[in-house]
Amino acid sequence: MTLILIGQYDSPFVRRVAVALNLHGFGYEHWPWSTFADADKLAVYNPLRRVPTMVLENGEVLIESMAILDHLDEQAGPDRRLLPGAGADRRAALKTCALATGLCDKMVSLVYERVLHAETSDVWIARCTTQVSGVLSALETQCAALVTPFWFGERPGHADIAVACAMRFLREAHPDIAAMSNWTALTAHAQRCEAMASFSSVAQSFDPPRR
């Protein structure tokens, strides 16, 4: 049995796992299940009916992107892991990942609010939009200060993956917010990542859920 990654690549959470698998050189089988259309099938492996969900070679199931990525780094070994091992760099990388994944959470919330609700909440939309733009500004400041091609050196790590996947989701799911600013440094960083086969081979156009 090989690794199985469940979820569609238009999810930034699924995609960050797929990119990490590629960078590590791990083979896997992809089951592109939807959390809506395939919810009952997904529930067999994950009662939360969320993606990403990963089935290991021994049948064990991992859920949530950070837990899956932690396992992949452990399997890759200390010299190939995609997160600094200790100290200030590790804390900074985890914070950047948290900002990027929190950004994605808020962008997904906005999608659900606009697509799944017959009547939307202006208060909730304004709050989420403020959170999204605030995180983008914080990440833009970080990215503009980088002195290496990627967040923590010459090769991409989990921070780069999380940010690049968030930027693609921003452009496709929320072009109105993307147009609020050029986000110059983040855009250049995302383009640098997307030019790599590890990223481009697991790209999928955003397909929003339907009521």
Protein backbone atom coordinates (compact mmCIF):
# COMPACT_ATOMS: atom_id res chain seq x y z
CA MET A 1 0.00 0.00 0.00
CA THR A 2 1.27 3.48 -0.84
CA LEU A 3 0.57 6.82 0.79
CA ILE A 4 -2.86 8.19 -0.10
CA LEU A 5 -3.63 11.92 -0.06
CA ILE A 6 -7.35 12.72 0.02
CA GLY A 7 -8.62 16.11 -1.12
CA GLN A 8 -8.60 18.44 -4.09
CA TYR A 9 -5.66 20.61 -5.04
CA ASP A 10 -7.76 23.79 -5.11
CA SER A 11 -7.68 23.59 -1.31
CA PRO A 12 -4.56 25.42 -0.07
CA PHE A 13 -4.39 22.95 2.82
CA VAL A 14 -4.36 19.90 0.56
CA ARG A 15 -2.00 21.56 -1.87
CA ARG A 16 0.61 22.41 0.78
CA VAL A 17 0.78 18.71 1.67
CA ALA A 18 1.08 17.73 -2.01
CA VAL A 19 3.90 20.22 -2.56
CA ALA A 20 5.75 18.91 0.50
CA LEU A 21 5.36 15.34 -0.77
CA ASN A 22 6.89 16.44 -4.08
CA LEU A 23 9.78 18.30 -2.46
CA HIS A 24 10.53 15.28 -0.29
CA GLY A 25 10.29 12.98 -3.30
CA PHE A 26 7.65 10.77 -1.70
CA GLY A 27 5.34 8.90 -4.06
CA TYR A 28 1.64 8.88 -3.26
CA GLU A 29 -1.80 8.11 -4.63
CA HIS A 30 -4.21 11.02 -4.94
CA TRP A 31 -7.92 10.69 -4.23
CA PRO A 32 -9.44 14.04 -5.30
CA TRP A 33 -12.51 13.84 -3.10
CA SER A 34 -14.68 16.85 -2.39
CA THR A 35 -15.71 17.66 1.19
CA PHE A 36 -19.21 18.27 -0.15
CA ALA A 37 -19.83 15.79 -2.99
CA ASP A 38 -17.78 12.99 -1.39
CA ALA A 39 -18.48 13.71 2.27
CA ASP A 40 -19.84 10.24 3.06
CA LYS A 41 -16.81 8.50 1.54
CA LEU A 42 -14.50 10.89 3.37
CA ALA A 43 -16.21 10.22 6.69
CA VAL A 44 -15.00 6.60 6.57
CA TYR A 45 -11.45 7.93 7.01
CA ASN A 46 -12.07 11.21 8.83
CA PRO A 47 -15.23 11.82 10.89
CA LEU A 48 -14.63 15.56 10.56
CA ARG A 49 -15.14 15.13 6.80
CA ARG A 50 -12.27 17.52 6.22
CA VAL A 51 -9.25 17.57 3.96
CA PRO A 52 -6.40 16.95 3.77
CA THR A 53 -6.66 13.43 5.07
CA MET A 54 -3.75 11.04 4.59
CA VAL A 55 -3.77 7.25 4.74
CA LEU A 56 -0.33 5.84 5.55
CA GLU A 57 1.14 2.66 4.12
CA ASN A 58 0.05 0.70 7.21
CA GLY A 59 -3.53 2.00 7.01
CA GLU A 60 -3.13 4.57 9.78
CA VAL A 61 -4.98 7.81 9.05
CA LEU A 62 -3.58 11.29 9.69
CA ILE A 63 -5.72 14.43 9.65
CA GLU A 64 -4.98 18.17 9.53
CA SER A 65 -2.21 19.54 7.35
CA MET A 66 0.29 20.39 10.10
CA ALA A 67 0.10 16.90 11.63
CA ILE A 68 0.59 15.35 8.18
CA LEU A 69 3.54 17.63 7.41
CA ASP A 70 5.14 16.84 10.76
CA HIS A 71 5.00 13.13 9.88
CA LEU A 72 6.48 13.73 6.43
CA ASP A 73 9.36 15.72 7.90
CA GLU A 74 10.00 12.95 10.42
CA GLN A 75 10.16 10.39 7.60
CA ALA A 76 12.45 12.62 5.52
CA GLY A 77 14.98 12.97 8.34
CA PRO A 78 16.67 15.99 9.96
CA ASP A 79 18.72 16.95 6.90
CA ARG A 80 15.71 17.13 4.57
CA ARG A 81 12.93 18.46 6.77
CA LEU A 82 11.21 21.60 5.55
CA LEU A 83 11.12 23.40 8.89
CA PRO A 84 14.07 24.66 10.96
CA GLY A 85 14.91 22.19 13.70
CA ALA A 86 15.03 24.47 16.72
CA GLY A 87 15.41 27.97 18.07
CA ALA A 88 14.30 31.35 16.78
CA ASP A 89 14.12 30.27 13.14
CA ARG A 90 11.79 27.40 14.00
CA ARG A 91 9.53 29.67 16.03
CA ALA A 92 9.50 32.23 13.23
CA ALA A 93 8.71 29.58 10.61
CA LEU A 94 5.85 28.19 12.69
CA LYS A 95 4.47 31.71 13.13
CA THR A 96 4.63 32.35 9.39
CA CYS A 97 2.88 29.04 8.73
CA ALA A 98 0.23 29.93 11.32
CA LEU A 99 -0.36 33.31 9.68
CA ALA A 100 -0.63 31.77 6.21
CA THR A 101 -2.95 28.96 7.28
CA GLY A 102 -5.03 31.36 9.38
CA LEU A 103 -5.27 33.54 6.30
CA CYS A 104 -6.58 30.56 4.35
CA ASP A 105 -9.10 29.77 7.09
CA LYS A 106 -10.52 33.28 6.79
CA MET A 107 -10.58 33.16 3.00
CA VAL A 108 -12.46 29.85 3.10
CA SER A 109 -14.90 31.37 5.61
CA LEU A 110 -15.54 34.20 3.16
CA VAL A 111 -16.21 31.72 0.37
CA TYR A 112 -18.72 29.82 2.50
CA GLU A 113 -20.40 33.05 3.61
CA ARG A 114 -20.87 34.26 0.07
CA VAL A 115 -21.67 30.97 -1.62
CA LEU A 116 -23.62 28.92 0.91
CA HIS A 117 -25.76 31.57 2.61
CA ALA A 118 -28.82 33.05 0.95
CA GLU A 119 -28.41 36.13 3.16
CA THR A 120 -24.86 37.16 3.96
CA SER A 121 -23.61 39.00 7.04
CA ASP A 122 -21.96 42.30 6.20
CA VAL A 123 -20.39 42.34 9.66
CA TRP A 124 -18.80 38.90 9.17
CA ILE A 125 -17.60 39.71 5.66
CA ALA A 126 -16.04 42.96 6.88
CA ARG A 127 -14.35 41.21 9.81
CA CYS A 128 -12.90 38.42 7.66
CA THR A 129 -11.78 40.87 4.98
CA THR A 130 -10.00 42.98 7.61
CA GLN A 131 -8.27 39.88 8.99
CA VAL A 132 -7.21 38.77 5.50
CA SER A 133 -5.80 42.16 4.52
CA GLY A 134 -4.06 42.49 7.89
CA VAL A 135 -2.30 39.15 7.54
CA LEU A 136 -1.33 39.92 3.95
CA SER A 137 0.25 43.18 5.11
CA ALA A 138 2.18 41.37 7.85
CA LEU A 139 3.41 38.69 5.44
CA GLU A 140 4.29 41.33 2.84
CA THR A 141 6.52 43.06 5.41
CA GLN A 142 8.21 39.77 6.27
CA CYS A 143 8.68 38.81 2.64
CA ALA A 144 10.08 42.19 1.61
CA ALA A 145 12.77 41.85 4.30
CA LEU A 146 14.05 38.47 3.11
CA VAL A 147 17.72 38.34 2.10
CA THR A 148 17.50 34.84 0.60
CA PRO A 149 15.30 33.52 -2.22
CA PHE A 150 13.06 31.72 0.27
CA TRP A 151 11.94 32.40 3.83
CA PHE A 152 14.76 30.53 5.57
CA GLY A 153 17.42 29.98 2.95
CA GLU A 154 18.08 28.84 -0.58
CA ARG A 155 15.32 26.24 -0.82
CA PRO A 156 11.61 26.39 -0.05
CA GLY A 157 10.27 25.16 3.26
CA HIS A 158 6.88 24.91 4.91
CA ALA A 159 6.64 28.68 5.38
CA ASP A 160 7.16 29.27 1.65
CA ILE A 161 4.72 26.53 0.71
CA ALA A 162 1.99 27.82 3.02
CA VAL A 163 2.37 31.41 1.80
CA ALA A 164 2.51 30.50 -1.90
CA CYS A 165 -0.56 28.26 -1.63
CA ALA A 166 -2.41 31.04 0.19
CA MET A 167 -1.51 33.55 -2.52
CA ARG A 168 -2.84 31.31 -5.28
CA PHE A 169 -6.08 30.79 -3.36
CA LEU A 170 -6.34 34.55 -2.83
CA ARG A 171 -6.01 35.27 -6.55
CA GLU A 172 -8.54 32.65 -7.57
CA ALA A 173 -11.12 32.78 -4.78
CA HIS A 174 -10.95 36.48 -3.86
CA PRO A 175 -9.70 38.59 -6.77
CA ASP A 176 -11.41 41.61 -5.20
CA ILE A 177 -9.17 41.41 -2.13
CA ALA A 178 -6.12 40.60 -4.25
CA ALA A 179 -6.75 43.84 -6.13
CA MET A 180 -6.67 45.92 -2.92
CA SER A 181 -2.85 46.07 -3.13
CA ASN A 182 -0.04 44.83 -5.34
CA TRP A 183 1.48 42.79 -2.47
CA THR A 184 4.68 43.14 -4.50
CA ALA A 185 7.03 40.97 -2.45
CA LEU A 186 4.45 38.24 -1.88
CA THR A 187 3.54 38.16 -5.55
CA ALA A 188 7.18 37.79 -6.61
CA HIS A 189 7.72 35.08 -4.00
CA ALA A 190 4.62 33.19 -5.16
CA GLN A 191 5.76 33.39 -8.79
CA ARG A 192 9.15 32.00 -7.80
CA CYS A 193 7.47 29.07 -6.06
CA GLU A 194 4.89 28.44 -8.79
CA ALA A 195 7.68 28.20 -11.38
CA MET A 196 8.89 25.03 -9.64
CA ALA A 197 7.51 21.69 -10.83
CA SER A 198 6.82 20.66 -7.22
CA PHE A 199 4.19 23.42 -7.13
CA SER A 200 2.93 23.59 -10.72
CA SER A 201 2.30 19.84 -10.96
CA VAL A 202 -0.30 20.01 -8.17
CA ALA A 203 -2.26 23.08 -9.25
CA GLN A 204 -6.02 23.08 -9.76
CA SER A 205 -8.36 25.94 -10.62
CA PHE A 206 -10.63 26.93 -7.75
CA ASP A 207 -14.08 25.33 -7.91
CA PRO A 208 -16.32 26.83 -5.21
CA PRO A 209 -18.91 24.72 -3.39
CA ARG A 210 -22.54 25.02 -4.41
CA ARG A 211 -25.71 25.13 -2.37
